[in-house]
C-alpha cells in the first residue's frame, strides 16, 4: 500500500512521495478531531447554501426586476413565469409554480418582495418533496448502481456514498464495473482505502456485468451491508452502451433477488435542461430510483432539479456540494428551496 523508501538508494525521487506517505501514516495514527452531530449538520447546511449561491443570485436578481414595477397584471405573471423558465426550472415546473403562487398571493401586494419569496420557497419545496417509494426487499447486502453520462462526477459520487455509509457503521463494498477507463478503477480503489470499504475489480476487458455479479456474491459472502457498483459513464444517445447498462441490471437481479435496490443517476447541474433528456433515457433503460445532483457550486443552473422532479417524480437523494469526501448531503426539499430563494436561508 505504501511506497518503501530506501534512504541509501541514489538517484530515486523520494521527497514528495515520502511526504505523502508519511502524511497518510500520520492520519491513521493520529485520530482526527471529531465533530459533534450538530457541527456536522451546521457545516452541511452552510455548504449547501454556498453551493447554491450562483443559482440563488441569478434567481433573486430576476425576481427583483419582476416585482420592481409593483403593478399586478397579466404581464407581471408572464414575466414571473419567464423568470423561472430562464432559471432552468422548466416549462411545466414554471407554470405550476406560477399558478400556485398567483393563487396564494391573490389580492396581496405583489411589490412585497418577501411574501413572493416565501411563497416561492413553499411551492418549490412542494414540487421537490420526495414521493413515497415502495419498501425495499430488505435483503442483504443492499445493492446500489451508480449511473450517468461521462464527466458528471459519477465515480467520485460512488466514493462519497461509500464514505458516508461507512461513517454510519456499515460494511461497504465498492465494485469497479467501469472497464472502459483504467483511471476510474484506480480512483475508486483510492476511495475504498479512504473509506475503509472492501473493493472488487476485474481484469481489463472483463464484462462489466460479470464484475457486478461477482461483487454481489462476494458482498454476500463477506456479510457486507451495502455494495455500490460504479458503472462506466456513457452518452445517453449511445444505444449499445445503454443496452449494456440494462444487462448489468439484469445480471445483478440474478445475483440477488430484487436487486438492485437503488439506481442512482448522477446529474451534473451545469448541464441545465440537458439533464431532463438524460433522466428520460436512463430511466427508460434501467428505472432510476433516485437522483444525485453534483456540481451545483459551479453553476447558476441549479433550478434544473425542479424541472427533473416535476417531469419524472423521481426523488433527489443526495446533493454534492464540493470535492471533499464529506461534501455530500442528504437532500432536504425545504432546505434546498430555502437555499434557492432565501438569502437568510
Foldseek 3Di string as FASTA:
>chain_A
DADDDDPPDPPDDPDVSVVVRVVVVVPVVDDDDDDDPVVLVVVLLVLLLLLQVLQQVLLVVQLLVLLVVQDDDPVSLVSQLVSLVVLLLDNVLSVQLSVQLCVVQPPHRSNPSVSSLVSQLVSLLVLQPADDDDDAPPDPAAEEEFAEAPPLCRLLVLLLVLLVVVVVVFAEEEFELALPDPVSLVVNVVSCVVSVHHYFYDDRPDLSLVSLLVQRLVRVVVVGNYYYYYYHHHDLPDVVVLLSVLSSQVSNCVSDPRPNRAYEYRDEQAVRPVVQVRCVSNCVRRNHQEYEYESSSPDSNNSSSSVNCNVPVHHHAWYASDNDSSRIDGDRSSSSSCSNRPPVD
